[in-house]
């Protein structure tokens, strides 16, 4: 295996590595079909692992699972050249994760919606135009567990506290009164419509999206929302798995960890090792490192 500090990274202007790499890709099962499709098209050897989307409900648990996957790839017998994560910040779940043994690469994204729409810029335009958007995608809906995920069945990428409180209220109603009564109560109170105005179905061009699109249309009509079908773009995922890691990606070297920037860069590198190799905490007075 290549020395982790000399592992292949993009050439000038983010050009892909010159030789085939062995990559360990870890992603949320919300992105199952897109990940498999992009892995199949990659010029590199890609091992794909999926984590269940329910881990997002407890960011600390998701962070622990991701770090375990990263550490296992860096310690294992298989000669991976890098670990690539099909995750964004995901409510802060990836903040603090550290590269171990081999480089770690992530797209500069807040959540899965950015990855399904193809860029931060497109997502920002959609949020600016209609902040109250309820997002639907085939893998997200199909992989929901009706017994445990009824409250957030098709909610993607909306992490404001008010939205979390809304989902929590709905979950409580489902548990106490059953789903049909919970739906009725939420609609009588106008809770859904007060928070959302639009339902968007993201068509990635994979699988048979008709059932999920019909579900999104029906729920939009029932709740008085506008409905829109939007064509997904998988450019970020393709480039992530193709090793085309330009400014849209964060590349962490072993010992570096991910920090949040609270600006358009989304995330930054935090160096945790001094020249002697001793792990050190970053000095806040140093300002953001990118």
C-alpha atoms as a PDB file:
ATOM      1  CA  UNK A   1       0.000   0.000   0.000  1.00  0.00           C
ATOM      2  CA  UNK A   2       1.150   3.531  -0.713  1.00  0.00           C
ATOM      3  CA  UNK A   3       2.529   5.413   2.261  1.00  0.00           C
ATOM      4  CA  UNK A   4      -0.466   7.319   3.672  1.00  0.00           C
ATOM      5  CA  UNK A   5       1.353  10.626   3.536  1.00  0.00           C
ATOM      6  CA  UNK A   6       2.243  10.103  -0.137  1.00  0.00           C
ATOM      7  CA  UNK A   7      -1.014   8.494  -1.261  1.00  0.00           C
ATOM      8  CA  UNK A   8      -2.339   9.592  -4.656  1.00  0.00           C
ATOM      9  CA  UNK A   9      -4.281  12.830  -4.563  1.00  0.00           C
ATOM     10  CA  UNK A  10      -5.458  15.054  -7.394  1.00  0.00           C
ATOM     11  CA  UNK A  11      -2.898  16.600  -9.680  1.00  0.00           C
ATOM     12  CA  UNK A  12      -2.883  20.259 -10.758  1.00  0.00           C
ATOM     13  CA  UNK A  13      -6.361  21.830 -10.780  1.00  0.00           C
ATOM     14  CA  UNK A  14      -7.894  18.689  -9.323  1.00  0.00           C
ATOM     15  CA  UNK A  15      -6.885  16.304 -12.127  1.00  0.00           C
ATOM     16  CA  UNK A  16      -7.694  12.665 -11.275  1.00  0.00           C
ATOM     17  CA  UNK A  17      -4.843  10.437 -10.038  1.00  0.00           C
ATOM     18  CA  UNK A  18      -2.735   8.933 -12.814  1.00  0.00           C
ATOM     19  CA  UNK A  19      -3.190   5.307 -11.703  1.00  0.00           C
ATOM     20  CA  UNK A  20      -6.131   3.209 -10.600  1.00  0.00           C
ATOM     21  CA  UNK A  21      -6.870   3.460  -6.891  1.00  0.00           C
ATOM     22  CA  UNK A  22      -8.547   1.129  -4.441  1.00  0.00           C
ATOM     23  CA  UNK A  23     -11.183   3.173  -2.648  1.00  0.00           C
ATOM     24  CA  UNK A  24     -13.373   2.405   0.329  1.00  0.00           C
ATOM     25  CA  UNK A  25     -16.667   4.267  -0.158  1.00  0.00           C
ATOM     26  CA  UNK A  26     -19.024   4.657   2.786  1.00  0.00           C
ATOM     27  CA  UNK A  27     -22.411   6.273   2.288  1.00  0.00           C
ATOM     28  CA  UNK A  28     -25.918   6.623   3.616  1.00  0.00           C
ATOM     29  CA  UNK A  29     -28.400   4.159   2.167  1.00  0.00           C
ATOM     30  CA  UNK A  30     -30.415   7.182   0.991  1.00  0.00           C
ATOM     31  CA  UNK A  31     -27.838   7.206  -1.830  1.00  0.00           C
ATOM     32  CA  UNK A  32     -27.739   3.461  -2.470  1.00  0.00           C
ATOM     33  CA  UNK A  33     -28.543   3.355  -6.184  1.00  0.00           C
ATOM     34  CA  UNK A  34     -26.516   6.469  -7.090  1.00  0.00           C
ATOM     35  CA  UNK A  35     -23.510   5.125  -5.165  1.00  0.00           C
ATOM     36  CA  UNK A  36     -23.627   1.728  -6.843  1.00  0.00           C
ATOM     37  CA  UNK A  37     -24.062   3.343 -10.264  1.00  0.00           C
ATOM     38  CA  UNK A  38     -21.131   5.719  -9.760  1.00  0.00           C
ATOM     39  CA  UNK A  39     -18.953   2.923  -8.380  1.00  0.00           C
ATOM     40  CA  UNK A  40     -19.691   0.841 -11.480  1.00  0.00           C
ATOM     41  CA  UNK A  41     -18.661   3.737 -13.731  1.00  0.00           C
ATOM     42  CA  UNK A  42     -15.511   4.634 -11.749  1.00  0.00           C
ATOM     43  CA  UNK A  43     -12.093   3.935 -13.287  1.00  0.00           C
ATOM     44  CA  UNK A  44     -10.986   2.810  -9.823  1.00  0.00           C
ATOM     45  CA  UNK A  45     -11.662  -0.270  -7.691  1.00  0.00           C
ATOM     46  CA  UNK A  46     -14.397   0.766  -5.275  1.00  0.00           C
ATOM     47  CA  UNK A  47     -15.729  -1.158  -2.277  1.00  0.00           C
ATOM     48  CA  UNK A  48     -19.109   0.294  -1.247  1.00  0.00           C
ATOM     49  CA  UNK A  49     -20.503   0.140   2.275  1.00  0.00           C
ATOM     50  CA  UNK A  50     -23.886   1.556   3.327  1.00  0.00           C
ATOM     51  CA  UNK A  51     -25.047   2.787   6.720  1.00  0.00           C
ATOM     52  CA  UNK A  52     -28.737   3.013   7.575  1.00  0.00           C
ATOM     53  CA  UNK A  53     -30.258   6.457   7.358  1.00  0.00           C
ATOM     54  CA  UNK A  54     -31.769   6.215  10.854  1.00  0.00           C
ATOM     55  CA  UNK A  55     -28.318   6.959  12.284  1.00  0.00           C
ATOM     56  CA  UNK A  56     -28.914  10.609  11.350  1.00  0.00           C
ATOM     57  CA  UNK A  57     -31.382  10.797  14.232  1.00  0.00           C
ATOM     58  CA  UNK A  58     -28.439  10.670  16.658  1.00  0.00           C
ATOM     59  CA  UNK A  59     -25.474  12.527  15.114  1.00  0.00           C
ATOM     60  CA  UNK A  60     -23.046  11.245  17.747  1.00  0.00           C
ATOM     61  CA  UNK A  61     -23.896   7.641  16.853  1.00  0.00           C
ATOM     62  CA  UNK A  62     -23.458   8.350  13.165  1.00  0.00           C
ATOM     63  CA  UNK A  63     -20.086   9.990  13.858  1.00  0.00           C
ATOM     64  CA  UNK A  64     -18.936   6.951  15.841  1.00  0.00           C
ATOM     65  CA  UNK A  65     -19.999   4.543  13.100  1.00  0.00           C
ATOM     66  CA  UNK A  66     -18.273   6.584  10.411  1.00  0.00           C
ATOM     67  CA  UNK A  67     -15.064   6.816  12.429  1.00  0.00           C
ATOM     68  CA  UNK A  68     -15.149   3.053  12.967  1.00  0.00           C
ATOM     69  CA  UNK A  69     -15.431   2.516   9.203  1.00  0.00           C
ATOM     70  CA  UNK A  70     -12.572   4.947   8.559  1.00  0.00           C
ATOM     71  CA  UNK A  71     -10.346   3.309  11.170  1.00  0.00           C
ATOM     72  CA  UNK A  72     -11.091  -0.182   9.883  1.00  0.00           C
ATOM     73  CA  UNK A  73     -10.163   0.811   6.328  1.00  0.00           C
ATOM     74  CA  UNK A  74      -6.906   2.335   7.550  1.00  0.00           C
ATOM     75  CA  UNK A  75      -6.003  -0.671   9.718  1.00  0.00           C
ATOM     76  CA  UNK A  76      -7.233  -3.484   7.517  1.00  0.00           C
ATOM     77  CA  UNK A  77      -5.357  -5.967   5.388  1.00  0.00           C
ATOM     78  CA  UNK A  78      -6.909  -4.665   2.164  1.00  0.00           C
ATOM     79  CA  UNK A  79      -4.667  -2.008   0.584  1.00  0.00           C
ATOM     80  CA  UNK A  80      -7.045   0.951   0.297  1.00  0.00           C
ATOM     81  CA  UNK A  81      -5.557   4.150  -1.080  1.00  0.00           C
ATOM     82  CA  UNK A  82      -8.279   6.383   0.356  1.00  0.00           C
ATOM     83  CA  UNK A  83     -11.640   6.405   2.112  1.00  0.00           C
ATOM     84  CA  UNK A  84     -14.378   8.468   0.459  1.00  0.00           C
ATOM     85  CA  UNK A  85     -17.541   9.408   2.341  1.00  0.00           C
ATOM     86  CA  UNK A  86     -20.830  10.069   0.558  1.00  0.00           C
ATOM     87  CA  UNK A  87     -21.896  12.334   3.403  1.00  0.00           C
ATOM     88  CA  UNK A  88     -21.995  16.053   4.000  1.00  0.00           C
ATOM     89  CA  UNK A  89     -21.973  17.711   7.403  1.00  0.00           C
ATOM     90  CA  UNK A  90     -25.291  15.971   8.110  1.00  0.00           C
ATOM     91  CA  UNK A  91     -26.299  18.081  11.086  1.00  0.00           C
ATOM     92  CA  UNK A  92     -22.713  18.170  12.362  1.00  0.00           C
ATOM     93  CA  UNK A  93     -22.397  14.383  12.449  1.00  0.00           C
ATOM     94  CA  UNK A  94     -19.161  14.418  10.439  1.00  0.00           C
ATOM     95  CA  UNK A  95     -17.565  17.304  12.341  1.00  0.00           C
ATOM     96  CA  UNK A  96     -14.524  15.961  14.171  1.00  0.00           C
ATOM     97  CA  UNK A  97     -14.042  12.782  12.144  1.00  0.00           C
ATOM     98  CA  UNK A  98     -10.373  12.062  11.475  1.00  0.00           C
ATOM     99  CA  UNK A  99      -8.444  10.480   8.641  1.00  0.00           C
ATOM    100  CA  UNK A 100      -6.637   7.342   9.787  1.00  0.00           C
ATOM    101  CA  UNK A 101      -3.975   5.447   7.879  1.00  0.00           C
ATOM    102  CA  UNK A 102      -5.046   6.740   4.449  1.00  0.00           C
ATOM    103  CA  UNK A 103      -6.501   9.999   3.108  1.00  0.00           C
ATOM    104  CA  UNK A 104     -10.174  10.731   3.748  1.00  0.00           C
ATOM    105  CA  UNK A 105     -12.264  12.588   1.151  1.00  0.00           C
ATOM    106  CA  UNK A 106     -15.701  14.214   1.481  1.00  0.00           C
ATOM    107  CA  UNK A 107     -17.757  16.498  -0.761  1.00  0.00           C
ATOM    108  CA  UNK A 108     -18.228  20.014   0.591  1.00  0.00           C
ATOM    109  CA  UNK A 109     -21.940  19.583   1.237  1.00  0.00           C
ATOM    110  CA  UNK A 110     -24.394  20.177   4.042  1.00  0.00           C
ATOM    111  CA  UNK A 111     -26.467  17.058   3.423  1.00  0.00           C
ATOM    112  CA  UNK A 112     -27.680  14.433   0.964  1.00  0.00           C
ATOM    113  CA  UNK A 113     -29.789  16.892  -1.019  1.00  0.00           C
ATOM    114  CA  UNK A 114     -26.636  18.634  -2.236  1.00  0.00           C
ATOM    115  CA  UNK A 115     -25.340  15.280  -3.481  1.00  0.00           C
ATOM    116  CA  UNK A 116     -28.609  14.506  -5.263  1.00  0.00           C
ATOM    117  CA  UNK A 117     -28.842  17.955  -6.871  1.00  0.00           C
ATOM    118  CA  UNK A 118     -25.190  17.934  -7.902  1.00  0.00           C
ATOM    119  CA  UNK A 119     -23.782  21.118  -6.377  1.00  0.00           C
ATOM    120  CA  UNK A 120     -23.879  23.471  -3.418  1.00  0.00           C
ATOM    121  CA  UNK A 121     -24.840  26.313  -5.734  1.00  0.00           C
ATOM    122  CA  UNK A 122     -27.944  24.575  -7.054  1.00  0.00           C
ATOM    123  CA  UNK A 123     -29.092  23.609  -3.581  1.00  0.00           C
ATOM    124  CA  UNK A 124     -28.550  27.178  -2.338  1.00  0.00           C
ATOM    125  CA  UNK A 125     -30.662  28.550  -5.199  1.00  0.00           C
ATOM    126  CA  UNK A 126     -33.497  26.150  -4.382  1.00  0.00           C
ATOM    127  CA  UNK A 127     -33.403  26.978  -0.670  1.00  0.00           C
ATOM    128  CA  UNK A 128     -33.381  30.689  -1.414  1.00  0.00           C
ATOM    129  CA  UNK A 129     -36.353  30.350  -3.765  1.00  0.00           C
ATOM    130  CA  UNK A 130     -38.459  28.089  -1.510  1.00  0.00           C
ATOM    131  CA  UNK A 131     -37.012  27.420   1.964  1.00  0.00           C
ATOM    132  CA  UNK A 132     -40.013  25.313   2.988  1.00  0.00           C
ATOM    133  CA  UNK A 133     -39.360  22.358   0.692  1.00  0.00           C
ATOM    134  CA  UNK A 134     -40.092  18.715   1.519  1.00  0.00           C
ATOM    135  CA  UNK A 135     -37.727  16.495  -0.461  1.00  0.00           C
ATOM    136  CA  UNK A 136     -38.501  13.050  -1.857  1.00  0.00           C
ATOM    137  CA  UNK A 137     -36.016  10.598  -3.388  1.00  0.00           C
ATOM    138  CA  UNK A 138     -36.559   6.916  -4.310  1.00  0.00           C
ATOM    139  CA  UNK A 139     -33.950   5.285  -2.066  1.00  0.00           C
ATOM    140  CA  UNK A 140     -34.945   7.423   0.890  1.00  0.00           C
ATOM    141  CA  UNK A 141     -38.595   6.454   0.712  1.00  0.00           C
ATOM    142  CA  UNK A 142     -38.041   2.829  -0.294  1.00  0.00           C
ATOM    143  CA  UNK A 143     -35.607   2.175   2.534  1.00  0.00           C
ATOM    144  CA  UNK A 144     -37.783   3.726   5.239  1.00  0.00           C
ATOM    145  CA  UNK A 145     -38.990   1.389   7.947  1.00  0.00           C
ATOM    146  CA  UNK A 146     -42.729   2.090   8.381  1.00  0.00           C
ATOM    147  CA  UNK A 147     -42.556   0.850  11.972  1.00  0.00           C
ATOM    148  CA  UNK A 148     -39.819   3.260  13.045  1.00  0.00           C
ATOM    149  CA  UNK A 149     -39.563   6.003  10.417  1.00  0.00           C
ATOM    150  CA  UNK A 150     -43.196   7.081  10.017  1.00  0.00           C
ATOM    151  CA  UNK A 151     -42.483  10.539  11.360  1.00  0.00           C
ATOM    152  CA  UNK A 152     -39.769  11.374   8.848  1.00  0.00           C
ATOM    153  CA  UNK A 153     -40.767   9.122   5.980  1.00  0.00           C
ATOM    154  CA  UNK A 154     -39.559  11.365   3.161  1.00  0.00           C
ATOM    155  CA  UNK A 155     -37.859  14.268   4.879  1.00  0.00           C
ATOM    156  CA  UNK A 156     -34.411  14.999   3.528  1.00  0.00           C
ATOM    157  CA  UNK A 157     -31.897  17.654   4.391  1.00  0.00           C
ATOM    158  CA  UNK A 158     -34.007  20.008   6.549  1.00  0.00           C
ATOM    159  CA  UNK A 159     -32.183  20.364   9.838  1.00  0.00           C
ATOM    160  CA  UNK A 160     -33.651  23.447  11.493  1.00  0.00           C
ATOM    161  CA  UNK A 161     -34.789  22.980  15.075  1.00  0.00           C
ATOM    162  CA  UNK A 162     -38.359  23.883  14.164  1.00  0.00           C
ATOM    163  CA  UNK A 163     -38.435  21.042  11.648  1.00  0.00           C
ATOM    164  CA  UNK A 164     -37.006  18.600  14.171  1.00  0.00           C
ATOM    165  CA  UNK A 165     -39.647  19.655  16.670  1.00  0.00           C
ATOM    166  CA  UNK A 166     -42.361  19.174  14.056  1.00  0.00           C
ATOM    167  CA  UNK A 167     -41.172  15.640  13.326  1.00  0.00           C
ATOM    168  CA  UNK A 168     -40.982  14.908  17.052  1.00  0.00           C
ATOM    169  CA  UNK A 169     -44.592  16.058  17.539  1.00  0.00           C
ATOM    170  CA  UNK A 170     -45.743  13.884  14.645  1.00  0.00           C
ATOM    171  CA  UNK A 171     -43.842  10.878  16.017  1.00  0.00           C
ATOM    172  CA  UNK A 172     -45.515  11.351  19.387  1.00  0.00           C
ATOM    173  CA  UNK A 173     -48.958  11.502  17.749  1.00  0.00           C
ATOM    174  CA  UNK A 174     -48.250   8.360  15.718  1.00  0.00           C
ATOM    175  CA  UNK A 175     -47.263   6.483  18.857  1.00  0.00           C
ATOM    176  CA  UNK A 176     -50.240   7.685  20.880  1.00  0.00           C
ATOM    177  CA  UNK A 177     -53.028   7.795  18.308  1.00  0.00           C
ATOM    178  CA  UNK A 178     -51.917   5.831  15.227  1.00  0.00           C
ATOM    179  CA  UNK A 179     -50.760   7.165  11.879  1.00  0.00           C
ATOM    180  CA  UNK A 180     -54.172   8.055  10.396  1.00  0.00           C
ATOM    181  CA  UNK A 181     -55.178  10.057  13.464  1.00  0.00           C
ATOM    182  CA  UNK A 182     -51.733  11.686  13.601  1.00  0.00           C
ATOM    183  CA  UNK A 183     -52.096  12.811   9.977  1.00  0.00           C
ATOM    184  CA  UNK A 184     -55.532  14.236  10.750  1.00  0.00           C
ATOM    185  CA  UNK A 185     -54.325  16.138  13.821  1.00  0.00           C
ATOM    186  CA  UNK A 186     -51.335  17.623  11.995  1.00  0.00           C
ATOM    187  CA  UNK A 187     -53.526  18.804   9.149  1.00  0.00           C
ATOM    188  CA  UNK A 188     -56.210  20.248  11.445  1.00  0.00           C
ATOM    189  CA  UNK A 189     -53.533  22.249  13.251  1.00  0.00           C
ATOM    190  CA  UNK A 190     -52.036  23.324   9.921  1.00  0.00           C
ATOM    191  CA  UNK A 191     -48.611  22.186  11.108  1.00  0.00           C
ATOM    192  CA  UNK A 192     -47.358  20.757   7.827  1.00  0.00           C
ATOM    193  CA  UNK A 193     -48.518  23.672   5.698  1.00  0.00           C
ATOM    194  CA  UNK A 194     -47.114  26.221   8.140  1.00  0.00           C
ATOM    195  CA  UNK A 195     -43.629  24.778   7.670  1.00  0.00           C
ATOM    196  CA  UNK A 196     -43.657  23.662   4.033  1.00  0.00           C
ATOM    197  CA  UNK A 197     -45.001  25.012   0.776  1.00  0.00           C
ATOM    198  CA  UNK A 198     -43.486  22.692  -1.811  1.00  0.00           C
ATOM    199  CA  UNK A 199     -42.845  18.998  -2.366  1.00  0.00           C
ATOM    200  CA  UNK A 200     -39.973  18.131  -4.700  1.00  0.00           C
ATOM    201  CA  UNK A 201     -39.381  14.684  -6.138  1.00  0.00           C
ATOM    202  CA  UNK A 202     -35.744  14.226  -7.212  1.00  0.00           C
ATOM    203  CA  UNK A 203     -35.487  11.855 -10.159  1.00  0.00           C
ATOM    204  CA  UNK A 204     -31.964  10.441 -10.381  1.00  0.00           C
ATOM    205  CA  UNK A 205     -32.772   8.396 -13.486  1.00  0.00           C
ATOM    206  CA  UNK A 206     -32.154   5.148 -11.622  1.00  0.00           C
ATOM    207  CA  UNK A 207     -34.617   2.374 -10.836  1.00  0.00           C
ATOM    208  CA  UNK A 208     -38.372   2.845 -11.287  1.00  0.00           C
ATOM    209  CA  UNK A 209     -39.286   6.202  -9.744  1.00  0.00           C
ATOM    210  CA  UNK A 210     -42.995   6.137 -10.623  1.00  0.00           C
ATOM    211  CA  UNK A 211     -44.243   4.920  -7.237  1.00  0.00           C
ATOM    212  CA  UNK A 212     -42.291   7.454  -5.221  1.00  0.00           C
ATOM    213  CA  UNK A 213     -43.222  10.293  -7.571  1.00  0.00           C
ATOM    214  CA  UNK A 214     -46.891   9.341  -7.225  1.00  0.00           C
ATOM    215  CA  UNK A 215     -46.524   9.329  -3.437  1.00  0.00           C
ATOM    216  CA  UNK A 216     -44.955  12.791  -3.492  1.00  0.00           C
ATOM    217  CA  UNK A 217     -47.701  14.157  -5.761  1.00  0.00           C
ATOM    218  CA  UNK A 218     -50.455  12.693  -3.585  1.00  0.00           C
ATOM    219  CA  UNK A 219     -49.011  14.063  -0.354  1.00  0.00           C
ATOM    220  CA  UNK A 220     -48.419  17.485  -1.916  1.00  0.00           C
ATOM    221  CA  UNK A 221     -52.050  17.631  -3.022  1.00  0.00           C
ATOM    222  CA  UNK A 222     -53.341  16.438   0.329  1.00  0.00           C
ATOM    223  CA  UNK A 223     -51.311  18.989   2.265  1.00  0.00           C
ATOM    224  CA  UNK A 224     -51.858  21.897  -0.093  1.00  0.00           C
ATOM    225  CA  UNK A 225     -48.264  22.129  -1.312  1.00  0.00           C
ATOM    226  CA  UNK A 226     -46.936  22.908  -4.748  1.00  0.00           C
ATOM    227  CA  UNK A 227     -45.422  19.866  -6.454  1.00  0.00           C
ATOM    228  CA  UNK A 228     -42.297  19.841  -8.588  1.00  0.00           C
ATOM    229  CA  UNK A 229     -40.350  17.062 -10.253  1.00  0.00           C
ATOM    230  CA  UNK A 230     -36.655  17.867 -10.428  1.00  0.00           C
ATOM    231  CA  UNK A 231     -33.959  16.067 -12.396  1.00  0.00           C
ATOM    232  CA  UNK A 232     -31.131  14.979 -10.127  1.00  0.00           C
ATOM    233  CA  UNK A 233     -27.481  15.426 -10.985  1.00  0.00           C
ATOM    234  CA  UNK A 234     -24.906  12.931  -9.736  1.00  0.00           C
ATOM    235  CA  UNK A 235     -21.795  14.900 -10.710  1.00  0.00           C
ATOM    236  CA  UNK A 236     -20.495  15.230  -7.145  1.00  0.00           C
ATOM    237  CA  UNK A 237     -20.858  11.517  -6.462  1.00  0.00           C
ATOM    238  CA  UNK A 238     -19.282  10.562  -9.802  1.00  0.00           C
ATOM    239  CA  UNK A 239     -16.292  12.795  -9.136  1.00  0.00           C
ATOM    240  CA  UNK A 240     -16.004  11.564  -5.555  1.00  0.00           C
ATOM    241  CA  UNK A 241     -15.691   7.970  -6.740  1.00  0.00           C
ATOM    242  CA  UNK A 242     -13.600   8.882  -9.793  1.00  0.00           C
ATOM    243  CA  UNK A 243     -10.879  10.539  -7.706  1.00  0.00           C
ATOM    244  CA  UNK A 244     -11.583  13.930  -9.282  1.00  0.00           C
ATOM    245  CA  UNK A 245     -11.156  15.832  -6.034  1.00  0.00           C
ATOM    246  CA  UNK A 246     -11.009  19.546  -6.784  1.00  0.00           C
ATOM    247  CA  UNK A 247     -12.221  22.502  -4.696  1.00  0.00           C
ATOM    248  CA  UNK A 248     -15.631  20.857  -4.269  1.00  0.00           C
ATOM    249  CA  UNK A 249     -14.047  18.247  -1.986  1.00  0.00           C
ATOM    250  CA  UNK A 250     -12.147  18.217   1.279  1.00  0.00           C
ATOM    251  CA  UNK A 251      -9.118  15.898   1.354  1.00  0.00           C
ATOM    252  CA  UNK A 252      -7.857  15.043   4.837  1.00  0.00           C
ATOM    253  CA  UNK A 253      -4.434  13.489   5.406  1.00  0.00           C
ATOM    254  CA  UNK A 254      -3.951  10.941   8.201  1.00  0.00           C
ATOM    255  CA  UNK A 255      -4.146  12.742  11.538  1.00  0.00           C
ATOM    256  CA  UNK A 256      -6.194  15.639  10.160  1.00  0.00           C
ATOM    257  CA  UNK A 257      -9.825  16.063  11.101  1.00  0.00           C
ATOM    258  CA  UNK A 258     -12.877  17.820   9.722  1.00  0.00           C
ATOM    259  CA  UNK A 259     -13.999  21.157  11.073  1.00  0.00           C
ATOM    260  CA  UNK A 260     -16.999  23.302  10.124  1.00  0.00           C
ATOM    261  CA  UNK A 261     -16.531  26.728   8.522  1.00  0.00           C
ATOM    262  CA  UNK A 262     -20.063  28.216   8.715  1.00  0.00           C
ATOM    263  CA  UNK A 263     -19.625  29.687   5.232  1.00  0.00           C
ATOM    264  CA  UNK A 264     -19.806  28.590   1.594  1.00  0.00           C
ATOM    265  CA  UNK A 265     -16.810  26.251   2.040  1.00  0.00           C
ATOM    266  CA  UNK A 266     -18.913  24.212   4.510  1.00  0.00           C
ATOM    267  CA  UNK A 267     -15.922  22.359   5.993  1.00  0.00           C
ATOM    268  CA  UNK A 268     -12.194  22.738   6.565  1.00  0.00           C
ATOM    269  CA  UNK A 269      -9.076  20.831   7.557  1.00  0.00           C
ATOM    270  CA  UNK A 270      -8.017  20.872  11.209  1.00  0.00           C
ATOM    271  CA  UNK A 271      -4.429  19.740  11.774  1.00  0.00           C
ATOM    272  CA  UNK A 272      -4.145  17.623  14.907  1.00  0.00           C
ATOM    273  CA  UNK A 273      -0.483  16.587  14.737  1.00  0.00           C
ATOM    274  CA  UNK A 274       2.552  18.753  15.342  1.00  0.00           C
ATOM    275  CA  UNK A 275       5.866  18.033  13.516  1.00  0.00           C
ATOM    276  CA  UNK A 276       6.881  15.551  16.232  1.00  0.00           C
ATOM    277  CA  UNK A 277       3.795  13.463  15.514  1.00  0.00           C
ATOM    278  CA  UNK A 278       2.094  14.250  18.811  1.00  0.00           C
ATOM    279  CA  UNK A 279      -1.639  14.815  18.542  1.00  0.00           C
ATOM    280  CA  UNK A 280      -2.445  18.430  19.366  1.00  0.00           C
ATOM    281  CA  UNK A 281      -5.631  20.452  19.634  1.00  0.00           C
ATOM    282  CA  UNK A 282      -6.012  23.238  17.049  1.00  0.00           C
ATOM    283  CA  UNK A 283      -5.397  26.763  18.325  1.00  0.00           C
ATOM    284  CA  UNK A 284      -8.594  28.834  17.812  1.00  0.00           C
ATOM    285  CA  UNK A 285      -6.452  31.954  17.266  1.00  0.00           C
ATOM    286  CA  UNK A 286      -5.045  30.421  14.098  1.00  0.00           C
ATOM    287  CA  UNK A 287      -8.276  31.143  12.222  1.00  0.00           C
ATOM    288  CA  UNK A 288      -9.878  28.853   9.660  1.00  0.00           C
ATOM    289  CA  UNK A 289      -7.640  26.417   7.806  1.00  0.00           C
ATOM    290  CA  UNK A 290      -8.912  25.342   4.402  1.00  0.00           C
END
